[in-house]
Amino acid sequence: MAAAAGPRAGWKELSLLNANEARDLFAAATEADPASREARLGAAISLLSVQPRTDGNIATATQLLEALRAESPNDEEGIGATYYLARIQQLHSSAPDRPAAVAAYRELLAAHPGNHYAEMAAPKLAVLLLYDDVPRDEWERRVAEIETLIPRLTATEAVRDTRLVLAGALIRLRRDHARAYPLVTACLEANLVTRLPHLNALLLQAAESARQLGNTPAAITYYRRFLGEFPRDIRADEVHRRLETLEQKPRP
């Protein structure tokens, strides 16, 4: 049954975060068709998330991905393999290699514009570049690199996530509401953020940035939207107080 389902069933389980089930389905699909690059890629990806995580699973995933990349580096599976090898270097390895991951993400974005896996590298690259202890001039060069990258992205998810990583870094590390605010509001106004807890946090971030920038009408709008959508949020009382101050009238 699992083999007959092919890789599609494995991708469905991965999308539902059922990594262990996905691993079994991809393993069956690979056994049924050892030449299937799609099944082998899925098997490698699922091994990075199965519980419990082990060095053995990471090593097996690495071998599968390296083989896929060596066979054909520029097809969909080869590009995906390069992306996930970079993810291993960034996140999963017992000895992370951040410079290698940065180089791999940059190469993916340069070599494969418009590709889904390559564009998934953009927000990961932003995290590695921006949350790093470097001199201010170097940090600003990295900000400029990400700002230049965003207009070239075509996938909605990649645009959204890269904007929000940049906005978060600008606020947390530099208290730079002026540059962060349009990044956040662009995502909110295009309804690119719909899931909790991201939406309520971003509405508050937009309201706070607007308030810091002296844009009272916008701050009021975002505070009201927050209260309208999340009236039971634990921060609602504080938001009511801030609205009262901005509107300079008591709440009924």
C-alpha atoms as a PDB file:
ATOM      1  CA  MET A   1       0.000   0.000   0.000  1.00  0.00           C
ATOM      2  CA  ALA A   2       2.727   2.492   0.982  1.00  0.00           C
ATOM      3  CA  ALA A   3       4.833   1.637  -2.055  1.00  0.00           C
ATOM      4  CA  ALA A   4       1.821   1.904  -4.344  1.00  0.00           C
ATOM      5  CA  ALA A   5       1.117   5.378  -2.994  1.00  0.00           C
ATOM      6  CA  GLY A   6       4.514   6.572  -4.185  1.00  0.00           C
ATOM      7  CA  PRO A   7       6.221   9.763  -2.952  1.00  0.00           C
ATOM      8  CA  ARG A   8       2.992  11.796  -2.934  1.00  0.00           C
ATOM      9  CA  ALA A   9       1.803  10.185   0.300  1.00  0.00           C
ATOM     10  CA  GLY A  10       5.166  10.923   1.913  1.00  0.00           C
ATOM     11  CA  TRP A  11       4.969  14.605   0.982  1.00  0.00           C
ATOM     12  CA  LYS A  12       1.471  14.788   2.446  1.00  0.00           C
ATOM     13  CA  GLU A  13       2.672  13.370   5.773  1.00  0.00           C
ATOM     14  CA  LEU A  14       5.622  15.778   5.793  1.00  0.00           C
ATOM     15  CA  SER A  15       3.259  18.709   5.213  1.00  0.00           C
ATOM     16  CA  LEU A  16       1.315  17.527   8.281  1.00  0.00           C
ATOM     17  CA  LEU A  17       4.588  17.355  10.276  1.00  0.00           C
ATOM     18  CA  ASN A  18       4.304  13.573  10.552  1.00  0.00           C
ATOM     19  CA  ALA A  19       7.979  12.948   9.853  1.00  0.00           C
ATOM     20  CA  ASN A  20       8.116   9.366  11.115  1.00  0.00           C
ATOM     21  CA  GLU A  21       5.211   8.318   8.902  1.00  0.00           C
ATOM     22  CA  ALA A  22       6.752  10.191   5.973  1.00  0.00           C
ATOM     23  CA  ARG A  23      10.069   8.382   6.496  1.00  0.00           C
ATOM     24  CA  ASP A  24       8.336   5.001   6.223  1.00  0.00           C
ATOM     25  CA  LEU A  25       6.405   6.001   3.108  1.00  0.00           C
ATOM     26  CA  PHE A  26       9.470   7.397   1.338  1.00  0.00           C
ATOM     27  CA  ALA A  27      11.490   4.316   2.296  1.00  0.00           C
ATOM     28  CA  ALA A  28       8.815   2.091   0.758  1.00  0.00           C
ATOM     29  CA  ALA A  29       8.657   4.247  -2.373  1.00  0.00           C
ATOM     30  CA  THR A  30      12.444   4.114  -2.714  1.00  0.00           C
ATOM     31  CA  GLU A  31      12.449   0.349  -2.319  1.00  0.00           C
ATOM     32  CA  ALA A  32       9.780   0.042  -5.005  1.00  0.00           C
ATOM     33  CA  ASP A  33      11.675   2.378  -7.366  1.00  0.00           C
ATOM     34  CA  PRO A  34      15.336   2.860  -6.385  1.00  0.00           C
ATOM     35  CA  ALA A  35      15.839   5.224  -9.328  1.00  0.00           C
ATOM     36  CA  SER A  36      13.228   7.698  -8.054  1.00  0.00           C
ATOM     37  CA  ARG A  37      15.092  10.868  -7.163  1.00  0.00           C
ATOM     38  CA  GLU A  38      11.928  12.344  -5.704  1.00  0.00           C
ATOM     39  CA  ALA A  39      11.499   9.460  -3.278  1.00  0.00           C
ATOM     40  CA  ARG A  40      15.141   9.625  -2.234  1.00  0.00           C
ATOM     41  CA  LEU A  41      14.946  13.362  -1.634  1.00  0.00           C
ATOM     42  CA  GLY A  42      11.824  12.883   0.482  1.00  0.00           C
ATOM     43  CA  ALA A  43      13.539  10.106   2.434  1.00  0.00           C
ATOM     44  CA  ALA A  44      16.464  12.400   3.226  1.00  0.00           C
ATOM     45  CA  ILE A  45      14.258  15.336   4.262  1.00  0.00           C
ATOM     46  CA  SER A  46      12.115  13.182   6.521  1.00  0.00           C
ATOM     47  CA  LEU A  47      15.211  11.792   8.266  1.00  0.00           C
ATOM     48  CA  LEU A  48      16.117  15.336   9.335  1.00  0.00           C
ATOM     49  CA  SER A  49      12.892  15.605  11.333  1.00  0.00           C
ATOM     50  CA  VAL A  50      12.092  12.133  12.670  1.00  0.00           C
ATOM     51  CA  GLN A  51      12.002  11.728  16.419  1.00  0.00           C
ATOM     52  CA  PRO A  52      14.193  11.077  18.207  1.00  0.00           C
ATOM     53  CA  ARG A  53      16.806  12.941  16.167  1.00  0.00           C
ATOM     54  CA  THR A  54      20.059  11.022  15.923  1.00  0.00           C
ATOM     55  CA  ASP A  55      23.497  11.549  14.416  1.00  0.00           C
ATOM     56  CA  GLY A  56      22.920   8.356  12.431  1.00  0.00           C
ATOM     57  CA  ASN A  57      19.828   9.769  10.728  1.00  0.00           C
ATOM     58  CA  ILE A  58      21.643  13.014   9.941  1.00  0.00           C
ATOM     59  CA  ALA A  59      24.557  11.059   8.451  1.00  0.00           C
ATOM     60  CA  THR A  60      22.217   8.923   6.322  1.00  0.00           C
ATOM     61  CA  ALA A  61      20.342  12.008   5.125  1.00  0.00           C
ATOM     62  CA  THR A  62      23.648  13.667   4.237  1.00  0.00           C
ATOM     63  CA  GLN A  63      24.708  10.659   2.160  1.00  0.00           C
ATOM     64  CA  LEU A  64      21.400  10.589   0.288  1.00  0.00           C
ATOM     65  CA  LEU A  65      21.563  14.313  -0.441  1.00  0.00           C
ATOM     66  CA  GLU A  66      25.185  14.246  -1.561  1.00  0.00           C
ATOM     67  CA  ALA A  67      24.391  11.416  -3.972  1.00  0.00           C
ATOM     68  CA  LEU A  68      21.433  13.303  -5.418  1.00  0.00           C
ATOM     69  CA  ARG A  69      23.528  16.430  -5.897  1.00  0.00           C
ATOM     70  CA  ALA A  70      26.404  14.494  -7.475  1.00  0.00           C
ATOM     71  CA  GLU A  71      24.093  12.767  -9.971  1.00  0.00           C
ATOM     72  CA  SER A  72      22.383  15.947 -11.189  1.00  0.00           C
ATOM     73  CA  PRO A  73      22.971  19.195  -9.316  1.00  0.00           C
ATOM     74  CA  ASN A  74      20.679  21.385 -11.409  1.00  0.00           C
ATOM     75  CA  ASP A  75      17.379  19.515 -11.543  1.00  0.00           C
ATOM     76  CA  GLU A  76      14.689  19.986  -8.892  1.00  0.00           C
ATOM     77  CA  GLU A  77      15.991  17.205  -6.670  1.00  0.00           C
ATOM     78  CA  GLY A  78      19.593  18.328  -7.067  1.00  0.00           C
ATOM     79  CA  ILE A  79      18.738  21.906  -6.094  1.00  0.00           C
ATOM     80  CA  GLY A  80      16.680  20.609  -3.185  1.00  0.00           C
ATOM     81  CA  ALA A  81      19.575  18.437  -2.087  1.00  0.00           C
ATOM     82  CA  THR A  82      21.931  21.432  -2.088  1.00  0.00           C
ATOM     83  CA  TYR A  83      19.439  23.421  -0.008  1.00  0.00           C
ATOM     84  CA  TYR A  84      19.034  20.695   2.608  1.00  0.00           C
ATOM     85  CA  LEU A  85      22.773  20.071   2.785  1.00  0.00           C
ATOM     86  CA  ALA A  86      23.094  23.764   3.671  1.00  0.00           C
ATOM     87  CA  ARG A  87      20.377  23.322   6.295  1.00  0.00           C
ATOM     88  CA  ILE A  88      22.398  20.489   7.810  1.00  0.00           C
ATOM     89  CA  GLN A  89      25.447  22.741   7.924  1.00  0.00           C
ATOM     90  CA  GLN A  90      23.397  25.508   9.539  1.00  0.00           C
ATOM     91  CA  LEU A  91      21.174  23.597  11.916  1.00  0.00           C
ATOM     92  CA  HIS A  92      21.348  19.821  12.112  1.00  0.00           C
ATOM     93  CA  SER A  93      25.046  19.011  12.217  1.00  0.00           C
ATOM     94  CA  SER A  94      26.742  18.335  15.538  1.00  0.00           C
ATOM     95  CA  ALA A  95      29.444  20.697  14.255  1.00  0.00           C
ATOM     96  CA  PRO A  96      27.601  23.496  12.408  1.00  0.00           C
ATOM     97  CA  ASP A  97      29.466  25.306   9.636  1.00  0.00           C
ATOM     98  CA  ARG A  98      27.776  28.700   9.305  1.00  0.00           C
ATOM     99  CA  PRO A  99      30.170  30.129   6.662  1.00  0.00           C
ATOM    100  CA  ALA A 100      29.613  27.065   4.470  1.00  0.00           C
ATOM    101  CA  ALA A 101      25.847  27.420   4.840  1.00  0.00           C
ATOM    102  CA  VAL A 102      26.025  31.127   3.926  1.00  0.00           C
ATOM    103  CA  ALA A 103      28.083  30.333   0.829  1.00  0.00           C
ATOM    104  CA  ALA A 104      25.667  27.579  -0.219  1.00  0.00           C
ATOM    105  CA  TYR A 105      22.588  29.784   0.217  1.00  0.00           C
ATOM    106  CA  ARG A 106      24.164  32.610  -1.763  1.00  0.00           C
ATOM    107  CA  GLU A 107      25.123  30.225  -4.562  1.00  0.00           C
ATOM    108  CA  LEU A 108      21.609  28.751  -4.689  1.00  0.00           C
ATOM    109  CA  LEU A 109      20.016  32.182  -4.977  1.00  0.00           C
ATOM    110  CA  ALA A 110      22.456  33.314  -7.651  1.00  0.00           C
ATOM    111  CA  ALA A 111      22.357  30.138  -9.728  1.00  0.00           C
ATOM    112  CA  HIS A 112      18.659  29.252  -9.591  1.00  0.00           C
ATOM    113  CA  PRO A 113      16.471  32.385  -9.548  1.00  0.00           C
ATOM    114  CA  GLY A 114      12.804  31.583  -9.159  1.00  0.00           C
ATOM    115  CA  ASN A 115      13.367  28.029  -7.964  1.00  0.00           C
ATOM    116  CA  HIS A 116      11.351  27.096  -4.864  1.00  0.00           C
ATOM    117  CA  TYR A 117      14.231  25.500  -2.983  1.00  0.00           C
ATOM    118  CA  ALA A 118      16.615  28.301  -3.884  1.00  0.00           C
ATOM    119  CA  GLU A 119      14.181  30.946  -2.671  1.00  0.00           C
ATOM    120  CA  MET A 120      13.668  29.057   0.594  1.00  0.00           C
ATOM    121  CA  ALA A 121      17.329  29.887   1.192  1.00  0.00           C
ATOM    122  CA  ALA A 122      16.657  33.643   1.355  1.00  0.00           C
ATOM    123  CA  PRO A 123      15.223  33.924   4.892  1.00  0.00           C
ATOM    124  CA  LYS A 124      17.750  31.374   6.159  1.00  0.00           C
ATOM    125  CA  LEU A 125      20.552  33.475   4.691  1.00  0.00           C
ATOM    126  CA  ALA A 126      19.071  36.574   6.342  1.00  0.00           C
ATOM    127  CA  VAL A 127      19.108  34.870   9.752  1.00  0.00           C
ATOM    128  CA  LEU A 128      22.739  33.853   9.385  1.00  0.00           C
ATOM    129  CA  LEU A 129      23.896  37.251   8.134  1.00  0.00           C
ATOM    130  CA  LEU A 130      21.941  39.513  10.452  1.00  0.00           C
ATOM    131  CA  TYR A 131      22.080  37.667  13.759  1.00  0.00           C
ATOM    132  CA  ASP A 132      25.844  37.720  13.834  1.00  0.00           C
ATOM    133  CA  ASP A 133      28.233  39.778  15.924  1.00  0.00           C
ATOM    134  CA  VAL A 134      29.936  41.965  13.329  1.00  0.00           C
ATOM    135  CA  PRO A 135      30.967  45.646  13.156  1.00  0.00           C
ATOM    136  CA  ARG A 136      28.148  48.053  12.365  1.00  0.00           C
ATOM    137  CA  ASP A 137      29.443  48.865   8.869  1.00  0.00           C
ATOM    138  CA  GLU A 138      29.554  45.172   8.004  1.00  0.00           C
ATOM    139  CA  TRP A 139      26.080  44.654   9.463  1.00  0.00           C
ATOM    140  CA  GLU A 140      24.726  47.468   7.304  1.00  0.00           C
ATOM    141  CA  ARG A 141      26.313  45.880   4.226  1.00  0.00           C
ATOM    142  CA  ARG A 142      24.479  42.690   5.087  1.00  0.00           C
ATOM    143  CA  VAL A 143      21.209  44.559   5.504  1.00  0.00           C
ATOM    144  CA  ALA A 144      21.750  46.067   2.056  1.00  0.00           C
ATOM    145  CA  GLU A 145      22.371  42.585   0.620  1.00  0.00           C
ATOM    146  CA  ILE A 146      19.037  41.345   1.973  1.00  0.00           C
ATOM    147  CA  GLU A 147      17.208  44.501   0.875  1.00  0.00           C
ATOM    148  CA  THR A 148      18.557  44.004  -2.654  1.00  0.00           C
ATOM    149  CA  LEU A 149      17.587  40.334  -2.595  1.00  0.00           C
ATOM    150  CA  ILE A 150      13.920  40.759  -1.633  1.00  0.00           C
ATOM    151  CA  PRO A 151      12.660  42.320  -4.910  1.00  0.00           C
ATOM    152  CA  ARG A 152      14.181  39.431  -6.860  1.00  0.00           C
ATOM    153  CA  LEU A 153      12.164  36.811  -4.971  1.00  0.00           C
ATOM    154  CA  THR A 154       9.022  35.468  -6.603  1.00  0.00           C
ATOM    155  CA  ALA A 155       7.600  33.037  -4.025  1.00  0.00           C
ATOM    156  CA  THR A 156       5.173  34.674  -1.605  1.00  0.00           C
ATOM    157  CA  GLU A 157       6.493  32.648   1.332  1.00  0.00           C
ATOM    158  CA  ALA A 158      10.090  33.614   0.596  1.00  0.00           C
ATOM    159  CA  VAL A 159       9.242  37.317   0.262  1.00  0.00           C
ATOM    160  CA  ARG A 160       7.224  37.302   3.478  1.00  0.00           C
ATOM    161  CA  ASP A 161       9.732  35.393   5.591  1.00  0.00           C
ATOM    162  CA  THR A 162      12.721  37.373   4.366  1.00  0.00           C
ATOM    163  CA  ARG A 163      10.978  40.695   5.037  1.00  0.00           C
ATOM    164  CA  LEU A 164      10.043  39.578   8.531  1.00  0.00           C
ATOM    165  CA  VAL A 165      13.522  38.287   9.404  1.00  0.00           C
ATOM    166  CA  LEU A 166      14.941  41.639   8.310  1.00  0.00           C
ATOM    167  CA  ALA A 167      12.277  43.609  10.204  1.00  0.00           C
ATOM    168  CA  GLY A 168      12.851  41.558  13.343  1.00  0.00           C
ATOM    169  CA  ALA A 169      16.595  42.111  13.210  1.00  0.00           C
ATOM    170  CA  LEU A 170      16.190  45.854  12.640  1.00  0.00           C
ATOM    171  CA  ILE A 171      13.967  46.188  15.703  1.00  0.00           C
ATOM    172  CA  ARG A 172      15.701  43.763  18.065  1.00  0.00           C
ATOM    173  CA  LEU A 173      19.255  44.702  17.245  1.00  0.00           C
ATOM    174  CA  ARG A 174      18.975  48.370  16.232  1.00  0.00           C
ATOM    175  CA  ARG A 175      15.594  49.617  17.469  1.00  0.00           C
ATOM    176  CA  ASP A 176      15.156  50.823  13.897  1.00  0.00           C
ATOM    177  CA  HIS A 177      11.383  51.174  13.604  1.00  0.00           C
ATOM    178  CA  ALA A 178      11.637  53.434  10.560  1.00  0.00           C
ATOM    179  CA  ARG A 179      13.062  50.694   8.351  1.00  0.00           C
ATOM    180  CA  ALA A 180      11.198  47.808   9.988  1.00  0.00           C
ATOM    181  CA  TYR A 181       7.708  49.334   9.843  1.00  0.00           C
ATOM    182  CA  PRO A 182       7.162  49.211   6.050  1.00  0.00           C
ATOM    183  CA  LEU A 183       8.450  45.636   5.920  1.00  0.00           C
ATOM    184  CA  VAL A 184       5.920  44.496   8.511  1.00  0.00           C
ATOM    185  CA  THR A 185       2.991  46.469   7.136  1.00  0.00           C
ATOM    186  CA  ALA A 186       3.636  45.235   3.595  1.00  0.00           C
ATOM    187  CA  CYS A 187       3.120  41.686   4.841  1.00  0.00           C
ATOM    188  CA  LEU A 188       0.051  42.585   6.907  1.00  0.00           C
ATOM    189  CA  GLU A 189      -1.677  44.613   4.228  1.00  0.00           C
ATOM    190  CA  ALA A 190      -1.167  41.864   1.656  1.00  0.00           C
ATOM    191  CA  ASN A 191      -2.584  39.301   4.134  1.00  0.00           C
ATOM    192  CA  LEU A 192       0.595  37.260   3.933  1.00  0.00           C
ATOM    193  CA  VAL A 193       0.477  36.410   7.645  1.00  0.00           C
ATOM    194  CA  THR A 194      -2.550  34.460   8.820  1.00  0.00           C
ATOM    195  CA  ARG A 195      -1.359  32.000  11.457  1.00  0.00           C
ATOM    196  CA  LEU A 196      -1.053  32.399  15.192  1.00  0.00           C
ATOM    197  CA  PRO A 197       1.055  33.404  17.004  1.00  0.00           C
ATOM    198  CA  HIS A 198       2.615  35.343  14.131  1.00  0.00           C
ATOM    199  CA  LEU A 199      -0.367  37.513  13.206  1.00  0.00           C
ATOM    200  CA  ASN A 200      -1.080  38.911  16.669  1.00  0.00           C
ATOM    201  CA  ALA A 201       2.613  39.538  17.302  1.00  0.00           C
ATOM    202  CA  LEU A 202       2.988  41.366  13.984  1.00  0.00           C
ATOM    203  CA  LEU A 203      -0.096  43.507  14.558  1.00  0.00           C
ATOM    204  CA  LEU A 204       1.414  44.628  17.847  1.00  0.00           C
ATOM    205  CA  GLN A 205       4.780  45.198  16.208  1.00  0.00           C
ATOM    206  CA  ALA A 206       3.190  47.361  13.505  1.00  0.00           C
ATOM    207  CA  ALA A 207       1.237  49.330  16.118  1.00  0.00           C
ATOM    208  CA  GLU A 208       4.286  49.834  18.315  1.00  0.00           C
ATOM    209  CA  SER A 209       6.456  50.926  15.407  1.00  0.00           C
ATOM    210  CA  ALA A 210       3.797  53.365  14.223  1.00  0.00           C
ATOM    211  CA  ARG A 211       3.525  54.769  17.757  1.00  0.00           C
ATOM    212  CA  GLN A 212       7.311  55.110  18.031  1.00  0.00           C
ATOM    213  CA  LEU A 213       7.374  56.922  14.689  1.00  0.00           C
ATOM    214  CA  GLY A 214       4.613  59.332  15.717  1.00  0.00           C
ATOM    215  CA  ASN A 215       2.129  57.910  13.226  1.00  0.00           C
ATOM    216  CA  THR A 216      -0.819  57.976  15.626  1.00  0.00           C
ATOM    217  CA  PRO A 217      -3.602  57.126  13.114  1.00  0.00           C
ATOM    218  CA  ALA A 218      -1.755  54.013  11.970  1.00  0.00           C
ATOM    219  CA  ALA A 219      -0.963  52.981  15.544  1.00  0.00           C
ATOM    220  CA  ILE A 220      -4.638  53.305  16.474  1.00  0.00           C
ATOM    221  CA  THR A 221      -5.663  51.293  13.401  1.00  0.00           C
ATOM    222  CA  TYR A 222      -3.339  48.400  14.213  1.00  0.00           C
ATOM    223  CA  TYR A 223      -4.170  48.408  17.929  1.00  0.00           C
ATOM    224  CA  ARG A 224      -7.878  48.304  17.078  1.00  0.00           C
ATOM    225  CA  ARG A 225      -7.351  45.502  14.594  1.00  0.00           C
ATOM    226  CA  PHE A 226      -5.434  43.570  17.259  1.00  0.00           C
ATOM    227  CA  LEU A 227      -8.291  43.974  19.760  1.00  0.00           C
ATOM    228  CA  GLY A 228     -10.877  43.096  17.140  1.00  0.00           C
ATOM    229  CA  GLU A 229      -9.157  39.874  16.167  1.00  0.00           C
ATOM    230  CA  PHE A 230      -7.671  38.878  19.526  1.00  0.00           C
ATOM    231  CA  PRO A 231      -9.895  40.294  22.287  1.00  0.00           C
ATOM    232  CA  ARG A 232      -8.843  37.602  24.780  1.00  0.00           C
ATOM    233  CA  ASP A 233      -5.095  37.980  24.258  1.00  0.00           C
ATOM    234  CA  ILE A 234      -3.282  38.512  27.569  1.00  0.00           C
ATOM    235  CA  ARG A 235      -1.948  41.803  26.189  1.00  0.00           C
ATOM    236  CA  ALA A 236      -5.404  43.206  25.448  1.00  0.00           C
ATOM    237  CA  ASP A 237      -5.639  45.295  28.640  1.00  0.00           C
ATOM    238  CA  GLU A 238      -2.326  47.003  27.915  1.00  0.00           C
ATOM    239  CA  VAL A 239      -3.415  47.655  24.333  1.00  0.00           C
ATOM    240  CA  HIS A 240      -6.638  49.239  25.621  1.00  0.00           C
ATOM    241  CA  ARG A 241      -4.563  51.526  27.841  1.00  0.00           C
ATOM    242  CA  ARG A 242      -2.356  52.566  24.952  1.00  0.00           C
ATOM    243  CA  LEU A 243      -5.384  53.262  22.799  1.00  0.00           C
ATOM    244  CA  GLU A 244      -6.873  55.448  25.516  1.00  0.00           C
ATOM    245  CA  THR A 245      -3.660  57.447  25.650  1.00  0.00           C
ATOM    246  CA  LEU A 246      -3.477  57.840  21.893  1.00  0.00           C
ATOM    247  CA  GLU A 247      -7.119  58.720  21.486  1.00  0.00           C
ATOM    248  CA  GLN A 248      -7.076  60.870  24.636  1.00  0.00           C
ATOM    249  CA  LYS A 249     -10.454  59.655  25.762  1.00  0.00           C
ATOM    250  CA  PRO A 250     -11.585  56.954  28.180  1.00  0.00           C
ATOM    251  CA  ARG A 251     -12.759  53.562  27.028  1.00  0.00           C
ATOM    252  CA  PRO A 252     -16.524  52.987  27.499  1.00  0.00           C
END
